[in-house]
Protein backbone atom coordinates (compact mmCIF):
# COMPACT_ATOMS: atom_id res chain seq x y z
CA UNK A 1 1.61 2.97 39.33
CA UNK A 2 -1.15 1.84 37.20
CA UNK A 3 -0.29 0.71 33.56
CA UNK A 4 -3.66 -1.08 33.00
CA UNK A 5 -6.55 -0.03 30.64
CA UNK A 6 -9.88 1.40 31.92
CA UNK A 7 -13.12 -0.33 31.88
CA UNK A 8 -13.92 1.21 28.68
CA UNK A 9 -10.72 0.54 26.82
CA UNK A 10 -10.92 -3.09 28.03
CA UNK A 11 -14.50 -3.39 26.37
CA UNK A 12 -13.16 -1.66 23.29
CA UNK A 13 -10.36 -4.07 22.96
CA UNK A 14 -12.18 -7.30 23.53
CA UNK A 15 -15.02 -6.10 20.91
CA UNK A 16 -12.59 -4.87 18.52
CA UNK A 17 -10.82 -8.16 18.47
CA UNK A 18 -13.84 -10.12 18.32
CA UNK A 19 -15.21 -7.99 15.42
CA UNK A 20 -11.74 -8.16 13.39
CA UNK A 21 -11.31 -11.77 13.78
CA UNK A 22 -14.91 -12.26 12.43
CA UNK A 23 -15.01 -9.96 9.75
CA UNK A 24 -11.44 -9.44 8.58
CA UNK A 25 -10.06 -13.07 8.23
CA UNK A 26 -6.65 -13.52 6.75
CA UNK A 27 -8.32 -14.70 3.74
CA UNK A 28 -9.79 -11.41 3.10
CA UNK A 29 -6.54 -9.39 3.73
CA UNK A 30 -4.84 -11.72 1.06
CA UNK A 31 -7.87 -10.94 -1.39
CA UNK A 32 -7.11 -7.36 -0.88
CA UNK A 33 -3.59 -7.30 -2.30
CA UNK A 34 -5.03 -7.75 -5.75
CA UNK A 35 -8.00 -5.64 -5.23
CA UNK A 36 -8.52 -2.30 -7.09
CA UNK A 37 -9.55 -0.21 -4.01
CA UNK A 38 -7.75 -2.42 -1.61
CA UNK A 39 -10.53 -2.79 1.04
CA UNK A 40 -14.05 -4.17 1.06
CA UNK A 41 -16.59 -1.15 1.09
CA UNK A 42 -19.07 -3.30 3.34
CA UNK A 43 -16.36 -3.54 5.95
CA UNK A 44 -15.50 0.09 5.77
CA UNK A 45 -19.10 0.80 6.53
CA UNK A 46 -19.48 -1.47 9.28
CA UNK A 47 -16.48 0.02 10.89
CA UNK A 48 -17.60 3.54 10.46
CA UNK A 49 -21.09 2.44 11.99
CA UNK A 50 -19.23 1.27 15.08
CA UNK A 51 -18.07 4.72 15.53
CA UNK A 52 -14.44 3.96 15.04
CA UNK A 53 -13.59 6.61 12.20
CA UNK A 54 -15.03 9.43 14.45
CA UNK A 55 -13.58 8.04 17.72
CA UNK A 56 -11.11 10.86 18.31
CA UNK A 57 -13.32 13.88 16.92
CA UNK A 58 -15.50 15.86 19.44
CA UNK A 59 -19.22 15.29 19.50
CA UNK A 60 -19.97 18.48 18.09
CA UNK A 61 -18.75 17.34 14.61
CA UNK A 62 -20.48 13.95 15.17
CA UNK A 63 -17.43 12.19 16.48
CA UNK A 64 -17.21 9.91 19.55
CA UNK A 65 -15.26 12.36 21.88
CA UNK A 66 -12.60 9.72 22.82
CA UNK A 67 -9.02 10.37 23.44
CA UNK A 68 -5.82 9.26 21.43
CA UNK A 69 -5.24 6.55 23.89
CA UNK A 70 -8.65 5.01 22.88
CA UNK A 71 -7.47 5.20 19.28
CA UNK A 72 -4.12 3.63 20.47
CA UNK A 73 -5.90 0.45 21.73
CA UNK A 74 -8.21 0.17 18.63
CA UNK A 75 -5.11 0.60 16.28
CA UNK A 76 -3.40 -2.36 18.39
CA UNK A 77 -6.01 -4.48 17.42
CA UNK A 78 -6.19 -3.53 13.86
CA UNK A 79 -2.57 -4.14 13.47
CA UNK A 80 -3.19 -7.75 15.16
CA UNK A 81 -5.52 -8.33 12.53
CA UNK A 82 -3.75 -6.70 9.60
CA UNK A 83 -6.70 -4.60 8.76
CA UNK A 84 -6.65 -3.16 5.01
CA UNK A 85 -7.98 0.03 4.08
CA UNK A 86 -8.08 3.91 4.64
CA UNK A 87 -8.66 3.97 8.32
CA UNK A 88 -5.42 5.44 9.60
CA UNK A 89 -4.80 7.81 6.71
CA UNK A 90 -8.39 9.16 7.01
CA UNK A 91 -8.17 9.71 10.78
CA UNK A 92 -4.88 11.36 10.48
CA UNK A 93 -6.00 13.58 7.92
CA UNK A 94 -9.23 14.36 10.09
CA UNK A 95 -6.76 15.25 12.99
CA UNK A 96 -5.05 17.94 10.65
CA UNK A 97 -8.49 19.42 9.71
CA UNK A 98 -9.38 19.40 13.44
CA UNK A 99 -6.24 21.21 14.38
CA UNK A 100 -5.82 23.71 11.59
CA UNK A 101 -9.18 24.07 9.69
CA UNK A 102 -11.79 26.87 10.37
CA UNK A 103 -15.35 26.31 11.92
CA UNK A 104 -16.97 25.89 8.46
CA UNK A 105 -14.30 23.71 7.11
CA UNK A 106 -14.52 21.55 10.48
CA UNK A 107 -18.45 21.32 10.27
CA UNK A 108 -18.30 20.52 6.68
CA UNK A 109 -15.87 17.91 6.61
CA UNK A 110 -15.29 16.20 9.94
CA UNK A 111 -19.03 14.79 10.19
CA UNK A 112 -18.87 13.16 6.97
CA UNK A 113 -15.24 11.75 7.83
CA UNK A 114 -16.73 10.33 11.14
CA UNK A 115 -19.79 8.70 9.31
CA UNK A 116 -17.22 7.04 6.69
CA UNK A 117 -18.77 9.10 3.90
CA UNK A 118 -15.65 10.77 3.20
CA UNK A 119 -12.03 9.48 2.61
CA UNK A 120 -9.14 12.02 3.20
CA UNK A 121 -5.41 11.49 3.00
CA UNK A 122 -2.19 13.48 3.84
CA UNK A 123 0.02 14.05 0.76
CA UNK A 124 3.33 15.22 2.65
CA UNK A 125 6.64 13.13 1.24
CA UNK A 126 8.56 13.91 -1.83
CA UNK A 127 11.45 12.26 -3.61
CA UNK A 128 13.67 13.00 -0.36
CA UNK A 129 11.20 10.79 1.74
CA UNK A 130 11.93 13.20 4.37
CA UNK A 131 9.41 14.17 7.30
CA UNK A 132 11.05 17.65 7.66
CA UNK A 133 10.33 21.07 6.18
CA UNK A 134 13.48 20.68 3.86
CA UNK A 135 11.65 17.53 2.07
CA UNK A 136 8.57 19.98 1.02
CA UNK A 137 9.38 21.28 -2.50
CA UNK A 138 5.97 21.20 -4.26
CA UNK A 139 4.74 24.67 -4.72
CA UNK A 140 1.86 26.73 -4.66
CA UNK A 141 1.77 30.14 -6.12
CA UNK A 142 -0.93 32.69 -5.81
CA UNK A 143 -3.14 33.66 -8.82
CA UNK A 144 -5.94 36.07 -8.42
CA UNK A 145 -8.13 34.13 -6.19
CA UNK A 146 -6.75 30.65 -6.53
CA UNK A 147 -3.28 28.81 -5.77
CA UNK A 148 -1.68 27.08 -8.80
CA UNK A 149 -0.06 24.05 -7.23
CA UNK A 150 2.56 21.97 -8.80
CA UNK A 151 5.19 19.12 -7.75
CA UNK A 152 5.05 15.52 -7.19
CA UNK A 153 4.06 13.54 -3.77
CA UNK A 154 5.04 10.22 -2.90
CA UNK A 155 3.88 7.30 -0.64
CA UNK A 156 0.51 8.90 -0.57
CA UNK A 157 -2.02 6.36 1.09
CA UNK A 158 -5.19 5.53 -0.32
CA UNK A 159 -5.17 8.67 -2.86
CA UNK A 160 -7.11 6.52 -5.28
CA UNK A 161 -10.13 6.38 -3.12
CA UNK A 162 -9.57 9.77 -1.31
CA UNK A 163 -12.36 12.36 -1.87
CA UNK A 164 -9.97 15.09 -0.76
CA UNK A 165 -6.11 15.27 -0.32
CA UNK A 166 -4.32 17.47 2.37
CA UNK A 167 -1.42 18.56 0.21
CA UNK A 168 1.64 20.17 2.19
CA UNK A 169 3.33 22.66 -0.16
CA UNK A 170 5.49 25.46 -0.15
CA UNK A 171 3.93 28.75 -0.56
CA UNK A 172 7.07 31.22 -0.12
CA UNK A 173 10.87 30.74 0.34
CA UNK A 174 11.61 31.53 4.26
CA UNK A 175 14.80 31.94 6.05
CA UNK A 176 12.96 30.07 9.15
CA UNK A 177 13.40 26.49 8.93
CA UNK A 178 9.76 25.75 9.25
CA UNK A 179 8.26 28.77 7.47
CA UNK A 180 6.68 29.23 4.11
CA UNK A 181 4.63 25.86 4.29
CA UNK A 182 0.93 25.86 3.84
CA UNK A 183 -1.75 23.16 4.07
CA UNK A 184 -4.51 23.12 1.46
CA UNK A 185 -7.61 20.95 0.73
CA UNK A 186 -7.66 19.48 -2.74
CA UNK A 187 -10.31 17.81 -4.50
CA UNK A 188 -8.92 14.56 -5.73
CA UNK A 189 -10.88 15.01 -8.97
CA UNK A 190 -9.40 18.26 -9.91
CA UNK A 191 -7.93 18.86 -13.16
CA UNK A 192 -4.30 18.29 -13.36
CA UNK A 193 -3.93 15.46 -10.52
CA UNK A 194 -2.95 12.06 -11.63
CA UNK A 195 -2.22 9.02 -9.43
CA UNK A 196 0.32 6.22 -10.12
CA UNK A 197 0.18 3.11 -8.13
CA UNK A 198 3.50 2.19 -6.18
CA UNK A 199 4.35 -1.51 -5.52
CA UNK A 200 4.30 -1.99 -1.75
CA UNK A 201 5.98 -4.51 0.21
CA UNK A 202 2.90 -5.04 2.55
CA UNK A 203 0.49 -5.06 -0.32
CA UNK A 204 -1.19 -1.65 0.90
CA UNK A 205 -2.20 1.01 -1.50
CA UNK A 206 0.27 3.97 -2.00
CA UNK A 207 0.58 6.42 -4.71
CA UNK A 208 2.69 8.88 -6.63
CA UNK A 209 0.52 11.88 -6.91
CA UNK A 210 1.44 14.33 -9.62
CA UNK A 211 0.34 17.82 -9.19
CA UNK A 212 0.29 19.61 -12.82
CA UNK A 213 -0.83 23.21 -12.39
CA UNK A 214 -3.67 22.27 -9.96
CA UNK A 215 -5.92 25.15 -9.40
CA UNK A 216 -7.13 25.30 -5.61
CA UNK A 217 -9.56 28.01 -4.13
CA UNK A 218 -7.97 30.22 -1.63
CA UNK A 219 -10.68 29.07 0.60
CA UNK A 220 -9.20 25.63 0.70
CA UNK A 221 -6.42 26.73 2.85
CA UNK A 222 -6.09 25.18 6.11
CA UNK A 223 -4.73 27.45 8.70
CA UNK A 224 -2.56 30.53 8.15
CA UNK A 225 -0.52 31.06 5.06
CA UNK A 226 2.96 29.85 5.51
CA UNK A 227 2.20 28.38 8.95
CA UNK A 228 1.54 25.02 8.33
CA UNK A 229 4.47 23.06 9.53
CA UNK A 230 3.61 23.30 13.04
CA UNK A 231 0.31 21.53 12.50
CA UNK A 232 2.05 18.86 10.23
CA UNK A 233 4.57 18.36 13.08
CA UNK A 234 2.04 18.07 15.82
CA UNK A 235 -0.05 15.40 13.77
CA UNK A 236 2.99 13.53 12.70
CA UNK A 237 3.80 12.85 16.05
CA UNK A 238 0.34 11.42 16.60
CA UNK A 239 0.58 9.33 13.40
CA UNK A 240 3.99 7.98 14.39
CA UNK A 241 2.66 6.80 17.69
CA UNK A 242 -0.46 5.25 15.93
CA UNK A 243 2.04 3.33 13.56
CA UNK A 244 3.62 2.14 16.86
CA UNK A 245 0.42 0.74 18.03
CA UNK A 246 -0.04 -1.15 14.73
CA UNK A 247 3.20 -2.58 14.83
CA UNK A 248 2.83 -3.82 18.33
CA UNK A 249 -0.23 -5.42 17.41
CA UNK A 250 1.31 -7.13 14.54
CA UNK A 251 4.27 -8.16 16.72
CA UNK A 252 2.10 -9.61 19.50
CA UNK A 253 0.16 -11.80 17.05
CA UNK A 254 3.45 -13.00 15.47
CA UNK A 255 4.73 -13.94 19.17
CA UNK A 256 1.44 -15.83 19.85
CA UNK A 257 1.88 -17.85 16.50
CA UNK A 258 5.38 -18.84 17.41
CA UNK A 259 4.53 -19.85 20.84
CA UNK A 260 1.67 -21.84 19.47
CA UNK A 261 3.81 -23.57 16.86
CA UNK A 262 7.00 -24.32 19.06
CA UNK A 263 4.73 -26.09 21.44
CA UNK A 264 3.13 -28.37 19.06
CA UNK A 265 6.12 -29.09 16.64
CA UNK A 266 8.20 -32.01 17.48
CA UNK A 267 11.76 -32.74 16.56
CA UNK A 268 14.10 -35.07 18.07
CA UNK A 269 11.40 -36.51 19.97
CA UNK A 270 10.30 -33.51 22.08
CA UNK A 271 8.38 -30.04 21.39
CA UNK A 272 10.70 -27.60 19.73
CA UNK A 273 9.83 -25.13 22.55
CA UNK A 274 11.59 -27.39 24.89
CA UNK A 275 14.91 -26.42 23.53
CA UNK A 276 16.78 -23.46 25.43
CA UNK A 277 17.67 -21.53 22.52
CA UNK A 278 14.32 -21.51 21.20
CA UNK A 279 13.03 -20.73 24.61
CA UNK A 280 15.32 -17.66 24.81
CA UNK A 281 14.39 -16.60 21.53
CA UNK A 282 10.87 -16.46 22.51
CA UNK A 283 11.76 -14.78 25.74
CA UNK A 284 13.40 -12.11 23.90
CA UNK A 285 10.63 -11.41 21.65
CA UNK A 286 8.54 -10.84 24.53
CA UNK A 287 10.96 -8.32 26.04
CA UNK A 288 11.18 -6.52 22.97
CA UNK A 289 7.46 -6.50 22.63
CA UNK A 290 6.61 -5.43 25.98
CA UNK A 291 9.38 -2.51 25.73
CA UNK A 292 7.75 -1.40 22.58
CA UNK A 293 3.96 -1.65 24.05
CA UNK A 294 5.05 0.42 27.14
CA UNK A 295 6.95 3.17 25.09
CA UNK A 296 3.89 3.25 22.80
CA UNK A 297 1.24 3.57 25.62
CA UNK A 298 3.34 6.23 27.59
CA UNK A 299 3.46 8.45 24.54
CA UNK A 300 -0.30 7.92 23.72
CA UNK A 301 -1.18 8.65 27.24
CA UNK A 302 0.86 12.10 27.15
CA UNK A 303 -0.69 13.03 24.00
CA UNK A 304 -4.18 12.29 25.40
CA UNK A 305 -3.39 14.41 28.37
CA UNK A 306 -1.91 17.51 26.36
CA UNK A 307 1.18 17.04 27.90
CA UNK A 308 4.71 17.56 26.23
CA UNK A 309 5.34 14.31 24.38
CA UNK A 310 8.13 14.93 21.72
CA UNK A 311 10.81 12.83 23.19
CA UNK A 312 8.53 10.19 24.32
CA UNK A 313 7.06 9.88 20.69
CA UNK A 314 10.43 9.51 19.41
CA UNK A 315 11.69 6.95 21.68
CA UNK A 316 8.34 4.77 21.00
CA UNK A 317 9.03 5.08 17.32
CA UNK A 318 12.59 4.34 17.36
CA UNK A 319 12.41 1.38 19.78
CA UNK A 320 9.01 -0.09 18.17
CA UNK A 321 10.81 0.05 14.63
CA UNK A 322 13.74 -2.06 15.95
CA UNK A 323 11.97 -4.22 18.52
CA UNK A 324 9.13 -5.32 16.29
CA UNK A 325 11.22 -6.12 13.40
CA UNK A 326 13.33 -8.19 15.84
CA UNK A 327 10.14 -10.07 16.97
CA UNK A 328 9.41 -11.28 13.47
CA UNK A 329 12.78 -12.02 12.77
CA UNK A 330 12.96 -14.27 15.76
CA UNK A 331 9.59 -15.59 15.17
CA UNK A 332 10.95 -16.78 11.66
CA UNK A 333 13.88 -18.57 13.16
CA UNK A 334 11.66 -20.36 15.68
CA UNK A 335 9.11 -21.44 12.95
CA UNK A 336 11.59 -22.24 10.32
CA UNK A 337 10.66 -22.74 6.58
CA UNK A 338 6.85 -22.92 7.31
CA UNK A 339 6.71 -19.37 8.09
CA UNK A 340 7.78 -18.21 4.64
CA UNK A 341 5.00 -19.78 3.01
CA UNK A 342 2.71 -17.27 1.22
CA UNK A 343 -0.35 -19.25 2.84
CA UNK A 344 1.26 -18.76 6.37
CA UNK A 345 0.19 -15.70 8.37
CA UNK A 346 3.55 -14.82 9.40
CA UNK A 347 4.76 -13.03 6.07
CA UNK A 348 1.72 -10.56 6.46
CA UNK A 349 3.03 -9.51 9.96
CA UNK A 350 6.62 -9.46 8.69
CA UNK A 351 5.76 -7.17 5.57
CA UNK A 352 3.63 -4.81 7.49
CA UNK A 353 6.30 -4.41 10.44
CA UNK A 354 9.00 -3.63 7.91
CA UNK A 355 7.11 -1.14 6.07
CA UNK A 356 5.59 0.62 8.84
CA UNK A 357 9.31 0.84 10.35
CA UNK A 358 9.80 3.74 7.72
CA UNK A 359 6.67 5.47 7.87
CA UNK A 360 6.39 8.75 9.61
CA UNK A 361 10.30 8.43 10.27
CA UNK A 362 12.37 5.53 10.93
CA UNK A 363 14.37 4.66 13.74
CA UNK A 364 17.69 6.59 12.75
CA UNK A 365 15.22 9.64 12.20
CA UNK A 366 13.94 9.59 15.60
CA UNK A 367 17.28 8.84 17.13
CA UNK A 368 18.71 12.00 15.47
CA UNK A 369 15.82 14.00 16.94
CA UNK A 370 16.53 12.66 20.41
CA UNK A 371 20.22 13.34 20.10
CA UNK A 372 19.43 16.89 19.34
CA UNK A 373 17.02 17.12 22.58
CA UNK A 374 20.12 15.88 24.44
CA UNK A 375 21.92 18.91 23.13
CA UNK A 376 24.35 16.60 20.70
């Protein structure tokens, strides 16, 4: 059994770490909390020029032709760096276009996304915060050649800078659990759309998006009428693994910060790290982290190989959500009060992980899925 990365992936990992350490220092991350956009455009351009935004899109759409495992390696390094900006939201939206869009839509949109010229985001969750069909109550009603869209979307990432929203709406009532749901490409500048910023724990940019009788051309439909949930569910699984990768990167950095600190911090005439309780805390952090990493990469590999992966994704997100929170909790216990100071890096990782825990389904959501898979 070989759990190692390929030569290409090792090069990607090292180059990404070096680039992000140089171009995305923690000072910049903190500055973006109060920045209107939430990311520096020059850094976004450099990332796009490196081919990272288009990494998982086919070469025929000006993408890099990479697989999901390559993206997972990259996202772990982005989590380590606390990279701000619309990278993941745009890539996830691009995946939906790749899966559901017709050829004209793909050729029109994906090259712009890959080049960093277009930012796209997915608007799915509503007041229930559910990632299930029952949570979709926003509607789109056919009217001549258009659809009139109404409703409220919550926790929409980067909606303020997005050129286009992919809205998940209900176009008909259906007896089928996942029926009647359709995807639409919506110009973010359309009349009737308004975005209200939400205060987030991690300082990232999320919005309440109000859809007040927004007119959307029928040609902006992604996929088949009433058949959108299957695509959403497929991409949400990939998005959950992507979040796991970011959490693993953040937790790994929290572990490294902790180990470095307890080696140097002297108390009672000896390094704090020489005390058994602290040693066991650090060991437990490593155990939790490696479990999350292996489950994440197993799920990512299955996705890359186009093999069944629903259970593995649920296991990875459930474990990573709990394990990475455990890592940062123990990190704070080992480092003490200094790690609660805003100028310290540890709060950056604690807040990121705590917010990512619930994104694309928290641990309980994925445990319930696994219980159903077990026939319970």
